[in-house]
Amino acid sequence: MLNRDLKNKIQKSLDDHSKGSLVCATKMKIVFPKYQEKKIKESWKIIKKILNSFSIYSHLDLSFGFILVSTTKFTNDPFSIIKGRDFLKLISRGVPVEQAAKIFEDEIICEILKISHFSKNKNIFLKRRRRLIGNNGSTVRAIEMITKTFILVQGNTVSIMGNHSGLKQVRKIVQDCMNNIHPIFHIKNLIIKQELSKDKFLKKENWDQYLPLLKKKNFNQIGLRDASEKKKKKEKNVFKNINRLENLAEARLEFRDSSQNQKKKLLITNKKNINLFLSKTIN
């Protein structure tokens, strides 16, 4: 009985304290890209309903391209405005409304990673982003299943939703993928760790011997070797070309000499023939 009375008293005090507990209103603006304008406009009624259920005021401004959110006098949880901001950020990055609404759960957090700064070369960036997504999104789905998170790769950002540990793992995979480490290496590691954690005897042991090692290649040295080999090949080709030119020049000279000799021979024979003809005519 005492426990019940105490619980009721605590609940009443919490209810009384929650009424008008926020001293001042908190306002936030979330900017969204223009290509998401149509989608947000179509699903605005659902977005507003979700925010109203947590006593958060929202206003859509299409002329300037932002959404305003603020707390009201009925808002009990001060952290709900942060959740509301994250909810709208996810929608602005193309996450479906039903999926983005899960952010209001206590255990779920989100992060929007920028991946454009990892490489200045556009072709390299696109290649590595394609590697992260995989064929028909197979790599992303595999990462989602292992880490129990939601991932959406769009444009220059990666939106992640999930618990803290899963989000940390996905962040590491994305960053390493953009730094030219294939996601399959991390996927293999996580699968092995999950299997080892299930074993009672191997739980407390060191797992380094079971995990695959990443072999790092020194691309600078390889590049220097390739460059030196190319230089040597070029030098050889130059010498070959010089020898060919010399041989051609000699052949031409020989041809000229032989043609000149033939001309001389023709002239001599012609002279002899003329002399013979003249001698015959005189006689």
Protein backbone atom coordinates (compact mmCIF):
# COMPACT_ATOMS: atom_id res chain seq x y z
CA MET A 1 0.00 0.00 0.00
CA LEU A 2 2.80 2.39 0.92
CA ASN A 3 4.52 1.77 -2.39
CA ARG A 4 1.33 2.54 -4.30
CA ASP A 5 0.78 5.75 -2.31
CA LEU A 6 4.35 6.82 -2.98
CA LYS A 7 3.99 6.10 -6.69
CA ASN A 8 0.76 8.09 -6.87
CA LYS A 9 2.33 11.03 -5.02
CA ILE A 10 5.37 11.00 -7.33
CA GLN A 11 3.14 10.81 -10.39
CA LYS A 12 0.99 13.71 -9.19
CA SER A 13 4.07 15.84 -8.46
CA LEU A 14 5.46 15.04 -11.90
CA ASP A 15 2.16 15.94 -13.55
CA ASP A 16 1.99 19.22 -11.62
CA HIS A 17 5.59 20.01 -12.44
CA SER A 18 5.13 19.21 -16.13
CA LYS A 19 2.34 21.77 -16.50
CA GLY A 20 4.00 24.96 -17.65
CA SER A 21 7.47 23.57 -16.91
CA LEU A 22 9.05 25.25 -19.98
CA VAL A 23 10.11 28.79 -19.14
CA CYS A 24 10.32 30.06 -22.74
CA ALA A 25 9.55 28.78 -26.25
CA THR A 26 12.33 27.22 -28.36
CA LYS A 27 12.26 27.88 -32.10
CA MET A 28 14.20 26.16 -34.88
CA LYS A 29 14.36 26.51 -38.66
CA ILE A 30 15.03 23.52 -40.93
CA VAL A 31 15.99 24.33 -44.51
CA PHE A 32 15.08 21.79 -47.20
CA PRO A 33 16.29 21.51 -50.84
CA LYS A 34 14.01 22.68 -53.64
CA TYR A 35 13.68 19.22 -55.23
CA GLN A 36 12.04 17.98 -51.97
CA GLU A 37 9.45 20.78 -51.99
CA LYS A 38 6.74 18.79 -53.81
CA LYS A 39 7.15 15.72 -51.60
CA ILE A 40 7.01 17.76 -48.37
CA LYS A 41 3.96 19.69 -49.60
CA GLU A 42 2.09 16.44 -50.38
CA SER A 43 2.84 14.84 -46.99
CA TRP A 44 2.59 18.04 -44.91
CA LYS A 45 -0.72 17.08 -43.23
CA ILE A 46 0.78 13.83 -41.89
CA ILE A 47 3.97 15.65 -40.76
CA LYS A 48 1.92 18.27 -38.92
CA LYS A 49 -0.20 15.58 -37.20
CA ILE A 50 2.90 13.78 -35.94
CA LEU A 51 4.40 17.01 -34.59
CA ASN A 52 1.08 18.08 -32.99
CA SER A 53 0.90 14.76 -31.11
CA PHE A 54 4.09 15.87 -29.27
CA SER A 55 2.71 19.42 -28.76
CA ILE A 56 5.14 20.98 -31.25
CA TYR A 57 4.04 23.87 -33.44
CA SER A 58 5.15 23.72 -37.11
CA HIS A 59 4.91 26.10 -40.06
CA LEU A 60 5.87 25.42 -43.69
CA ASP A 61 7.30 28.34 -45.69
CA LEU A 62 7.58 27.40 -49.38
CA SER A 63 8.68 30.85 -50.57
CA PHE A 64 11.94 30.73 -48.53
CA GLY A 65 12.20 26.92 -48.39
CA PHE A 66 12.23 26.20 -44.63
CA ILE A 67 10.10 24.67 -41.85
CA LEU A 68 9.71 26.45 -38.53
CA VAL A 69 9.20 24.36 -35.36
CA SER A 70 8.72 25.60 -31.82
CA THR A 71 7.56 24.42 -28.41
CA THR A 72 4.15 25.42 -27.04
CA LYS A 73 2.71 25.89 -23.53
CA PHE A 74 1.43 22.29 -23.75
CA THR A 75 4.88 20.79 -24.48
CA ASN A 76 5.84 18.51 -21.57
CA ASP A 77 9.12 17.05 -22.81
CA PRO A 78 11.80 19.70 -23.55
CA PHE A 79 13.79 17.20 -25.65
CA SER A 80 10.86 16.70 -28.04
CA ILE A 81 11.88 19.85 -29.98
CA ILE A 82 15.28 18.22 -30.72
CA LYS A 83 13.50 15.07 -31.89
CA GLY A 84 11.18 17.19 -34.01
CA ARG A 85 14.15 18.94 -35.63
CA ASP A 86 15.81 15.59 -36.42
CA PHE A 87 12.49 14.28 -37.80
CA LEU A 88 12.27 17.19 -40.26
CA LYS A 89 15.97 16.93 -41.17
CA LEU A 90 15.49 13.31 -42.16
CA ILE A 91 12.43 14.15 -44.27
CA SER A 92 14.38 16.94 -46.02
CA ARG A 93 17.05 14.33 -46.94
CA GLY A 94 14.45 12.05 -48.60
CA VAL A 95 13.68 9.61 -45.74
CA PRO A 96 10.03 8.38 -45.86
CA VAL A 97 7.72 9.98 -43.25
CA GLU A 98 6.80 6.65 -41.61
CA GLN A 99 10.47 5.76 -41.16
CA ALA A 100 11.46 9.26 -39.99
CA ALA A 101 8.66 9.19 -37.32
CA LYS A 102 10.57 6.40 -35.50
CA ILE A 103 13.08 9.04 -34.37
CA PHE A 104 10.65 9.98 -31.54
CA GLU A 105 11.41 6.63 -29.88
CA ASP A 106 13.81 6.92 -26.94
CA GLU A 107 16.44 4.42 -28.12
CA ILE A 108 16.67 5.66 -31.70
CA ILE A 109 18.98 8.49 -32.77
CA CYS A 110 20.04 9.77 -36.19
CA GLU A 111 23.00 11.28 -38.01
CA ILE A 112 23.41 12.85 -41.44
CA LEU A 113 26.95 12.31 -42.73
CA LYS A 114 28.46 14.51 -45.45
CA ILE A 115 30.61 12.44 -47.82
CA SER A 116 31.47 14.99 -50.53
CA HIS A 117 34.65 16.24 -48.79
CA PHE A 118 36.38 12.83 -48.83
CA SER A 119 37.52 13.13 -52.46
CA LYS A 120 37.84 16.15 -54.74
CA ASN A 121 37.76 14.05 -57.90
CA LYS A 122 34.12 13.61 -58.97
CA ASN A 123 34.66 10.25 -60.72
CA ILE A 124 36.38 8.75 -57.66
CA PHE A 125 33.59 10.07 -55.39
CA LEU A 126 30.85 8.54 -57.59
CA LYS A 127 32.72 5.21 -57.81
CA ARG A 128 33.11 4.94 -54.03
CA ARG A 129 29.50 5.98 -53.38
CA ARG A 130 28.36 3.29 -55.87
CA ARG A 131 30.54 0.79 -53.98
CA LEU A 132 28.82 1.74 -50.71
CA ILE A 133 25.34 1.24 -52.21
CA GLY A 134 26.19 -1.98 -54.09
CA ASN A 135 24.30 -3.65 -56.94
CA ASN A 136 20.60 -2.76 -56.48
CA GLY A 137 21.37 -1.59 -52.91
CA SER A 138 22.68 -5.02 -51.80
CA THR A 139 25.62 -3.66 -49.73
CA VAL A 140 23.45 -1.10 -47.90
CA ARG A 141 20.86 -3.80 -47.10
CA ALA A 142 23.57 -6.11 -45.73
CA ILE A 143 24.90 -3.31 -43.47
CA GLU A 144 21.34 -2.52 -42.29
CA MET A 145 20.69 -6.16 -41.37
CA ILE A 146 23.94 -6.55 -39.41
CA THR A 147 23.86 -3.18 -37.59
CA LYS A 148 20.02 -3.02 -37.22
CA THR A 149 19.87 0.48 -38.63
CA PHE A 150 18.23 2.38 -41.50
CA ILE A 151 20.55 3.88 -44.16
CA LEU A 152 19.71 6.17 -47.06
CA VAL A 153 22.40 7.38 -49.47
CA GLN A 154 21.28 10.44 -51.41
CA GLY A 155 23.41 13.04 -53.16
CA ASN A 156 26.33 14.12 -50.99
CA THR A 157 24.89 12.78 -47.71
CA VAL A 158 24.19 9.49 -45.92
CA SER A 159 21.23 9.46 -43.48
CA ILE A 160 21.51 6.91 -40.65
CA MET A 161 18.90 5.91 -38.06
CA GLY A 162 19.32 3.40 -35.24
CA ASN A 163 20.71 2.82 -31.77
CA HIS A 164 24.02 4.31 -30.64
CA SER A 165 26.22 1.24 -31.25
CA GLY A 166 24.74 0.56 -34.71
CA LEU A 167 25.13 4.20 -35.72
CA LYS A 168 28.77 4.16 -34.64
CA GLN A 169 29.47 1.04 -36.73
CA VAL A 170 27.77 2.48 -39.83
CA ARG A 171 29.69 5.76 -39.51
CA LYS A 172 32.97 3.84 -39.47
CA ILE A 173 31.95 1.77 -42.54
CA VAL A 174 30.90 4.86 -44.54
CA GLN A 175 34.04 6.84 -43.70
CA ASP A 176 36.33 3.90 -44.54
CA CYS A 177 34.46 3.23 -47.80
CA MET A 178 35.00 6.85 -48.89
CA ASN A 179 38.68 6.41 -47.93
CA ASN A 180 38.96 3.44 -50.35
CA ILE A 181 38.36 0.52 -47.93
CA HIS A 182 35.69 -1.84 -49.23
CA PRO A 183 32.57 -2.28 -46.98
CA ILE A 184 32.76 -6.08 -47.36
CA PHE A 185 35.79 -6.07 -45.00
CA HIS A 186 33.70 -4.51 -42.19
CA ILE A 187 30.68 -6.72 -42.98
CA LYS A 188 32.85 -9.85 -42.58
CA ASN A 189 34.27 -8.50 -39.30
CA LEU A 190 30.82 -7.79 -37.86
CA ILE A 191 29.45 -11.23 -38.85
CA ILE A 192 32.42 -12.97 -37.19
CA LYS A 193 32.03 -10.84 -34.04
CA GLN A 194 28.33 -11.69 -33.81
CA GLU A 195 29.07 -15.40 -34.12
CA LEU A 196 31.88 -15.23 -31.54
CA SER A 197 29.71 -13.31 -29.05
CA LYS A 198 27.16 -16.18 -29.12
CA ASP A 199 29.81 -18.70 -27.95
CA LYS A 200 30.05 -18.98 -24.15
CA PHE A 201 33.75 -19.93 -24.12
CA LEU A 202 34.96 -17.34 -26.65
CA LYS A 203 33.11 -14.37 -25.13
CA LYS A 204 35.96 -13.37 -22.82
CA GLU A 205 38.83 -14.27 -25.16
CA ASN A 206 40.77 -12.03 -27.52
CA TRP A 207 39.21 -12.12 -31.04
CA ASP A 208 42.13 -10.72 -33.03
CA GLN A 209 43.22 -14.16 -34.26
CA TYR A 210 39.75 -14.86 -35.70
CA LEU A 211 39.23 -11.51 -37.44
CA PRO A 212 40.52 -10.86 -40.99
CA LEU A 213 43.42 -8.42 -41.32
CA LEU A 214 43.39 -5.49 -43.70
CA LYS A 215 46.44 -5.47 -45.97
CA LYS A 216 47.40 -1.88 -46.68
CA LYS A 217 49.11 -1.14 -49.95
CA ASN A 218 51.54 1.75 -50.26
CA PHE A 219 50.17 3.30 -53.42
CA ASN A 220 52.84 6.03 -53.47
CA GLN A 221 55.68 3.49 -53.81
CA ILE A 222 53.73 1.54 -56.44
CA GLY A 223 53.16 4.78 -58.33
CA LEU A 224 56.86 5.66 -58.20
CA ARG A 225 57.82 2.18 -59.43
CA ASP A 226 55.36 2.41 -62.28
CA ALA A 227 56.68 5.85 -63.21
CA SER A 228 60.32 4.66 -63.22
CA GLU A 229 59.39 1.62 -65.33
CA LYS A 230 57.54 3.83 -67.78
CA LYS A 231 60.59 6.12 -68.05
CA LYS A 232 62.85 3.15 -68.79
CA LYS A 233 60.46 1.89 -71.44
CA LYS A 234 60.35 5.35 -73.03
CA GLU A 235 64.16 5.52 -73.10
CA LYS A 236 64.33 2.09 -74.73
CA ASN A 237 61.75 3.13 -77.29
CA VAL A 238 63.71 6.32 -78.03
CA PHE A 239 66.90 4.32 -78.61
CA LYS A 240 65.01 1.88 -80.83
CA ASN A 241 63.60 4.74 -82.85
CA ILE A 242 67.06 6.29 -83.23
CA ASN A 243 68.48 2.98 -84.46
CA ARG A 244 65.61 2.62 -86.90
CA LEU A 245 66.16 6.12 -88.23
CA GLU A 246 69.88 5.45 -88.62
CA ASN A 247 69.16 2.22 -90.50
CA LEU A 248 66.69 4.03 -92.75
CA ALA A 249 69.21 6.76 -93.47
CA GLU A 250 71.87 4.20 -94.35
CA ALA A 251 69.45 2.32 -96.59
CA ARG A 252 68.55 5.54 -98.39
CA LEU A 253 72.20 6.40 -98.93
CA GLU A 254 72.85 2.93 -100.24
CA PHE A 255 69.85 3.22 -102.54
CA ARG A 256 71.10 6.59 -103.78
CA ASP A 257 74.58 5.21 -104.36
CA SER A 258 73.19 2.19 -106.23
CA SER A 259 70.89 4.38 -108.34
CA GLN A 260 73.76 6.73 -109.18
CA ASN A 261 75.94 3.75 -110.19
CA GLN A 262 73.16 2.44 -112.39
CA LYS A 263 72.83 5.86 -114.05
CA LYS A 264 76.57 5.94 -114.68
CA LYS A 265 76.45 2.47 -116.17
CA LEU A 266 73.57 3.48 -118.44
CA LEU A 267 75.44 6.56 -119.60
CA ILE A 268 78.54 4.50 -120.40
CA THR A 269 76.53 1.89 -122.31
CA ASN A 270 74.67 4.64 -124.17
CA LYS A 271 77.95 6.29 -125.16
CA LYS A 272 79.32 2.96 -126.37
CA ASN A 273 76.18 2.33 -128.41
CA ILE A 274 76.40 5.80 -129.99
CA ASN A 275 80.06 5.31 -130.89
CA LEU A 276 79.31 1.97 -132.49
CA PHE A 277 76.44 3.43 -134.49
CA LEU A 278 78.56 6.35 -135.69
CA SER A 279 81.42 4.04 -136.70
CA LYS A 280 79.03 1.87 -138.72
CA THR A 281 77.44 4.83 -140.51
CA ILE A 282 80.82 6.33 -141.46
CA ASN A 283 82.11 3.05 -142.84
